[in-house]
Amino acid sequence: MGETGINSEKTGMLSSGKDAPCPGPACLDLVVQGKKIHYHGTRNVLSLLESQGENAVYANVRINGEVLRRRDFENIALNDGDEVDFLYYMGGGARRQP
């Protein structure tokens, strides 16, 4: 772990609180859930979800304002500068009393 944040080989990413450029050619600068990170994992949406501990079965993903189809997560490549949000739809409402 260095000054820039948390380095985890398990997740393949380096979180950064600074505006330093990504270290190395295999690194992507992403904005995930509003936070700037350096990502070193496989460059697809499914791998990013897994690295963040998100469940691909329940998560919806929006990249640069476009909501993706779940079946495409493994095939959609991430690009440097992408803004990624994980969305969860919540059900609910009032319960009627008998």
N, C-alpha and C. Protein backbone atom coordinates (compact mmCIF):
# COMPACT_ATOMS: atom_id res chain seq x y z
N MET A 1 0.85 -1.18 0.00
CA MET A 1 0.00 0.00 0.00
C MET A 1 0.89 1.23 0.00
N GLY A 2 0.57 2.19 -0.83
CA GLY A 2 1.33 3.42 -0.91
C GLY A 2 0.47 4.61 -0.57
N GLU A 3 0.99 5.79 -0.91
CA GLU A 3 0.26 7.02 -0.61
C GLU A 3 -1.02 7.14 -1.41
N THR A 4 -1.11 6.49 -2.54
CA THR A 4 -2.28 6.66 -3.40
C THR A 4 -3.48 5.88 -2.95
N GLY A 5 -3.33 4.91 -2.06
CA GLY A 5 -4.52 4.21 -1.61
C GLY A 5 -4.28 2.75 -1.33
N ILE A 6 -5.25 1.94 -1.67
CA ILE A 6 -5.24 0.52 -1.33
C ILE A 6 -4.84 -0.29 -2.55
N ASN A 7 -3.83 -1.10 -2.42
CA ASN A 7 -3.42 -1.97 -3.51
C ASN A 7 -3.78 -3.40 -3.13
N SER A 8 -4.65 -4.02 -3.90
CA SER A 8 -5.08 -5.37 -3.57
C SER A 8 -4.92 -6.27 -4.78
N GLU A 9 -4.06 -7.26 -4.67
CA GLU A 9 -3.88 -8.19 -5.78
C GLU A 9 -5.12 -9.05 -5.97
N LYS A 10 -5.89 -9.27 -4.90
CA LYS A 10 -7.09 -10.07 -5.02
C LYS A 10 -8.10 -9.40 -5.95
N THR A 11 -8.27 -8.09 -5.81
CA THR A 11 -9.23 -7.39 -6.65
C THR A 11 -8.61 -6.88 -7.93
N GLY A 12 -7.29 -6.80 -8.00
CA GLY A 12 -6.64 -6.32 -9.20
C GLY A 12 -6.78 -4.83 -9.41
N MET A 13 -6.97 -4.09 -8.34
CA MET A 13 -7.13 -2.66 -8.54
C MET A 13 -6.39 -1.85 -7.50
N LEU A 14 -6.19 -0.60 -7.80
CA LEU A 14 -5.54 0.34 -6.90
C LEU A 14 -6.46 1.54 -6.79
N SER A 15 -7.00 1.79 -5.62
CA SER A 15 -7.86 2.96 -5.43
C SER A 15 -6.99 4.18 -5.22
N SER A 16 -7.41 5.30 -5.74
CA SER A 16 -6.60 6.49 -5.65
C SER A 16 -7.42 7.68 -5.19
N GLY A 17 -6.90 8.39 -4.23
CA GLY A 17 -7.54 9.62 -3.78
C GLY A 17 -6.92 10.83 -4.44
N LYS A 18 -5.93 10.62 -5.28
CA LYS A 18 -5.23 11.72 -5.95
C LYS A 18 -5.48 11.65 -7.45
N ASP A 19 -5.10 12.69 -8.16
CA ASP A 19 -5.29 12.74 -9.60
C ASP A 19 -4.05 12.27 -10.35
N ALA A 20 -3.26 11.40 -9.73
CA ALA A 20 -2.06 10.87 -10.37
C ALA A 20 -2.47 9.97 -11.53
N PRO A 21 -1.69 9.97 -12.62
CA PRO A 21 -2.01 9.08 -13.74
C PRO A 21 -1.82 7.62 -13.35
N CYS A 22 -2.49 6.79 -14.08
CA CYS A 22 -2.42 5.35 -13.85
C CYS A 22 -0.99 4.85 -14.05
N PRO A 23 -0.48 4.05 -13.11
CA PRO A 23 0.89 3.56 -13.24
C PRO A 23 0.99 2.33 -14.14
N GLY A 24 1.45 2.51 -15.34
CA GLY A 24 1.68 1.38 -16.23
C GLY A 24 0.66 1.27 -17.35
N PRO A 25 1.05 0.61 -18.43
CA PRO A 25 0.20 0.51 -19.61
C PRO A 25 -1.01 -0.41 -19.44
N ALA A 26 -0.97 -1.33 -18.48
CA ALA A 26 -2.09 -2.26 -18.27
C ALA A 26 -3.13 -1.69 -17.31
N CYS A 27 -3.01 -0.44 -16.96
CA CYS A 27 -3.87 0.18 -15.96
C CYS A 27 -4.92 1.08 -16.64
N LEU A 28 -6.12 1.09 -16.07
CA LEU A 28 -7.19 1.98 -16.54
C LEU A 28 -7.55 2.96 -15.44
N ASP A 29 -7.73 4.22 -15.79
CA ASP A 29 -8.31 5.19 -14.88
C ASP A 29 -9.81 5.14 -15.08
N LEU A 30 -10.55 4.80 -14.02
CA LEU A 30 -12.01 4.71 -14.08
C LEU A 30 -12.62 5.54 -12.96
N VAL A 31 -13.87 5.89 -13.13
CA VAL A 31 -14.66 6.47 -12.05
C VAL A 31 -15.75 5.45 -11.76
N VAL A 32 -15.65 4.82 -10.58
CA VAL A 32 -16.59 3.76 -10.20
C VAL A 32 -17.38 4.24 -8.98
N GLN A 33 -18.69 4.31 -9.14
CA GLN A 33 -19.56 4.78 -8.06
C GLN A 33 -19.12 6.17 -7.57
N GLY A 34 -18.65 7.00 -8.49
CA GLY A 34 -18.26 8.37 -8.17
C GLY A 34 -16.85 8.53 -7.63
N LYS A 35 -16.08 7.43 -7.52
CA LYS A 35 -14.72 7.50 -6.99
C LYS A 35 -13.72 7.14 -8.07
N LYS A 36 -12.66 7.94 -8.18
CA LYS A 36 -11.60 7.66 -9.15
C LYS A 36 -10.76 6.49 -8.66
N ILE A 37 -10.54 5.53 -9.56
CA ILE A 37 -9.70 4.38 -9.21
C ILE A 37 -8.75 4.08 -10.37
N HIS A 38 -7.68 3.37 -10.04
CA HIS A 38 -6.80 2.76 -11.03
C HIS A 38 -7.17 1.28 -11.03
N TYR A 39 -7.54 0.76 -12.18
CA TYR A 39 -7.98 -0.63 -12.28
C TYR A 39 -6.99 -1.44 -13.08
N HIS A 40 -6.54 -2.58 -12.53
CA HIS A 40 -5.54 -3.43 -13.16
C HIS A 40 -6.08 -4.78 -13.58
N GLY A 41 -7.37 -5.01 -13.45
CA GLY A 41 -7.94 -6.32 -13.74
C GLY A 41 -8.26 -6.51 -15.21
N THR A 42 -8.93 -7.63 -15.50
CA THR A 42 -9.38 -7.91 -16.85
C THR A 42 -10.32 -6.80 -17.28
N ARG A 43 -10.18 -6.36 -18.51
CA ARG A 43 -10.88 -5.15 -18.97
C ARG A 43 -12.30 -5.39 -19.46
N ASN A 44 -13.10 -6.10 -18.67
CA ASN A 44 -14.51 -6.22 -19.03
C ASN A 44 -15.38 -5.94 -17.81
N VAL A 45 -16.64 -5.69 -18.05
CA VAL A 45 -17.57 -5.27 -17.01
C VAL A 45 -17.73 -6.35 -15.94
N LEU A 46 -17.84 -7.61 -16.34
CA LEU A 46 -18.02 -8.69 -15.39
C LEU A 46 -16.85 -8.76 -14.40
N SER A 47 -15.64 -8.65 -14.89
CA SER A 47 -14.46 -8.69 -14.02
C SER A 47 -14.44 -7.51 -13.05
N LEU A 48 -14.83 -6.33 -13.53
CA LEU A 48 -14.89 -5.18 -12.65
C LEU A 48 -15.92 -5.39 -11.54
N LEU A 49 -17.09 -5.88 -11.91
CA LEU A 49 -18.12 -6.18 -10.91
C LEU A 49 -17.58 -7.13 -9.84
N GLU A 50 -16.97 -8.21 -10.27
CA GLU A 50 -16.44 -9.20 -9.33
C GLU A 50 -15.34 -8.60 -8.45
N SER A 51 -14.50 -7.75 -9.01
CA SER A 51 -13.42 -7.14 -8.24
C SER A 51 -13.96 -6.21 -7.16
N GLN A 52 -15.15 -5.69 -7.37
CA GLN A 52 -15.76 -4.78 -6.41
C GLN A 52 -16.67 -5.51 -5.42
N GLY A 53 -16.77 -6.83 -5.55
CA GLY A 53 -17.61 -7.60 -4.65
C GLY A 53 -19.10 -7.48 -4.97
N GLU A 54 -19.42 -7.06 -6.18
CA GLU A 54 -20.81 -6.91 -6.60
C GLU A 54 -21.30 -8.21 -7.22
N ASN A 55 -22.57 -8.48 -7.11
CA ASN A 55 -23.17 -9.69 -7.66
C ASN A 55 -23.77 -9.38 -9.03
N ALA A 56 -23.22 -9.98 -10.07
CA ALA A 56 -23.67 -9.70 -11.43
C ALA A 56 -25.11 -10.14 -11.68
N VAL A 57 -25.63 -11.03 -10.86
CA VAL A 57 -27.01 -11.49 -11.02
C VAL A 57 -27.99 -10.38 -10.67
N TYR A 58 -27.63 -9.56 -9.69
CA TYR A 58 -28.55 -8.52 -9.20
C TYR A 58 -28.20 -7.11 -9.65
N ALA A 59 -26.97 -6.89 -10.06
CA ALA A 59 -26.54 -5.54 -10.41
C ALA A 59 -26.90 -5.19 -11.85
N ASN A 60 -27.26 -3.97 -12.04
CA ASN A 60 -27.35 -3.39 -13.37
C ASN A 60 -26.17 -2.43 -13.46
N VAL A 61 -25.62 -2.29 -14.64
CA VAL A 61 -24.43 -1.46 -14.81
C VAL A 61 -24.70 -0.37 -15.84
N ARG A 62 -24.24 0.83 -15.49
CA ARG A 62 -24.34 1.96 -16.40
C ARG A 62 -22.92 2.46 -16.63
N ILE A 63 -22.54 2.55 -17.91
CA ILE A 63 -21.23 3.09 -18.28
C ILE A 63 -21.46 4.33 -19.13
N ASN A 64 -20.89 5.43 -18.67
CA ASN A 64 -21.01 6.70 -19.37
C ASN A 64 -22.46 7.02 -19.73
N GLY A 65 -23.37 6.72 -18.80
CA GLY A 65 -24.78 7.05 -18.99
C GLY A 65 -25.61 6.01 -19.70
N GLU A 66 -25.00 4.95 -20.23
CA GLU A 66 -25.73 3.91 -20.95
C GLU A 66 -25.88 2.67 -20.09
N VAL A 67 -27.13 2.23 -19.87
CA VAL A 67 -27.39 1.02 -19.09
C VAL A 67 -27.15 -0.19 -19.99
N LEU A 68 -26.38 -1.15 -19.48
CA LEU A 68 -25.99 -2.32 -20.25
C LEU A 68 -26.92 -3.50 -20.00
N ARG A 69 -26.96 -4.41 -20.96
CA ARG A 69 -27.68 -5.67 -20.76
C ARG A 69 -26.77 -6.63 -20.00
N ARG A 70 -27.33 -7.31 -19.04
CA ARG A 70 -26.56 -8.21 -18.18
C ARG A 70 -25.83 -9.28 -19.00
N ARG A 71 -26.48 -9.78 -20.03
CA ARG A 71 -25.86 -10.85 -20.83
C ARG A 71 -24.61 -10.38 -21.57
N ASP A 72 -24.40 -9.07 -21.65
CA ASP A 72 -23.24 -8.52 -22.35
C ASP A 72 -22.07 -8.16 -21.43
N PHE A 73 -22.23 -8.32 -20.11
CA PHE A 73 -21.20 -7.89 -19.17
C PHE A 73 -19.82 -8.44 -19.50
N GLU A 74 -19.74 -9.71 -19.88
CA GLU A 74 -18.44 -10.32 -20.14
C GLU A 74 -17.82 -9.83 -21.45
N ASN A 75 -18.64 -9.33 -22.36
CA ASN A 75 -18.16 -8.94 -23.68
C ASN A 75 -17.92 -7.44 -23.85
N ILE A 76 -18.35 -6.64 -22.90
CA ILE A 76 -18.19 -5.20 -23.02
C ILE A 76 -16.87 -4.78 -22.38
N ALA A 77 -16.02 -4.18 -23.19
CA ALA A 77 -14.70 -3.76 -22.73
C ALA A 77 -14.78 -2.42 -22.00
N LEU A 78 -13.95 -2.29 -21.00
CA LEU A 78 -13.80 -1.03 -20.29
C LEU A 78 -12.73 -0.20 -20.99
N ASN A 79 -12.91 1.10 -20.97
CA ASN A 79 -11.95 2.01 -21.58
C ASN A 79 -11.48 3.03 -20.56
N ASP A 80 -10.28 3.51 -20.75
CA ASP A 80 -9.73 4.53 -19.87
C ASP A 80 -10.70 5.71 -19.79
N GLY A 81 -11.00 6.16 -18.58
CA GLY A 81 -11.86 7.31 -18.38
C GLY A 81 -13.34 6.99 -18.24
N ASP A 82 -13.73 5.70 -18.37
CA ASP A 82 -15.14 5.33 -18.24
C ASP A 82 -15.67 5.68 -16.86
N GLU A 83 -16.94 6.10 -16.83
CA GLU A 83 -17.66 6.33 -15.57
C GLU A 83 -18.65 5.19 -15.41
N VAL A 84 -18.47 4.41 -14.34
CA VAL A 84 -19.24 3.19 -14.13
C VAL A 84 -20.06 3.30 -12.85
N ASP A 85 -21.34 2.95 -12.96
CA ASP A 85 -22.22 2.92 -11.79
C ASP A 85 -22.89 1.57 -11.73
N PHE A 86 -23.04 1.04 -10.52
CA PHE A 86 -23.78 -0.19 -10.28
C PHE A 86 -25.14 0.21 -9.73
N LEU A 87 -26.18 -0.27 -10.38
CA LEU A 87 -27.54 0.11 -10.03
C LEU A 87 -28.31 -1.10 -9.53
N TYR A 88 -29.05 -0.90 -8.48
CA TYR A 88 -29.90 -1.96 -7.93
C TYR A 88 -31.31 -1.43 -7.85
N TYR A 89 -32.24 -2.17 -8.43
CA TYR A 89 -33.63 -1.76 -8.37
C TYR A 89 -34.27 -2.36 -7.14
N MET A 90 -34.96 -1.54 -6.40
CA MET A 90 -35.58 -1.97 -5.15
C MET A 90 -37.10 -2.06 -5.33
N GLY A 91 -37.66 -3.12 -4.84
CA GLY A 91 -39.10 -3.26 -4.85
C GLY A 91 -39.62 -2.88 -3.47
N GLY A 92 -40.87 -2.71 -3.39
CA GLY A 92 -41.43 -2.39 -2.10
C GLY A 92 -42.80 -1.78 -2.21
N GLY A 93 -43.24 -1.27 -1.16
CA GLY A 93 -44.55 -0.66 -1.12
C GLY A 93 -45.21 -0.96 0.20
N ALA A 94 -46.39 -0.44 0.33
CA ALA A 94 -47.14 -0.63 1.56
C ALA A 94 -47.80 -1.99 1.58
N ARG A 95 -47.84 -2.56 2.72
CA ARG A 95 -48.51 -3.85 2.90
C ARG A 95 -49.93 -3.58 3.40
N ARG A 96 -50.86 -4.21 2.78
CA ARG A 96 -52.26 -3.99 3.18
C ARG A 96 -52.58 -4.85 4.39
N GLN A 97 -53.29 -4.26 5.30
CA GLN A 97 -53.77 -4.98 6.48
C GLN A 97 -55.10 -5.65 6.12
N PRO A 98 -55.29 -6.92 6.49
CA PRO A 98 -56.56 -7.63 6.17
C PRO A 98 -57.75 -7.06 6.93
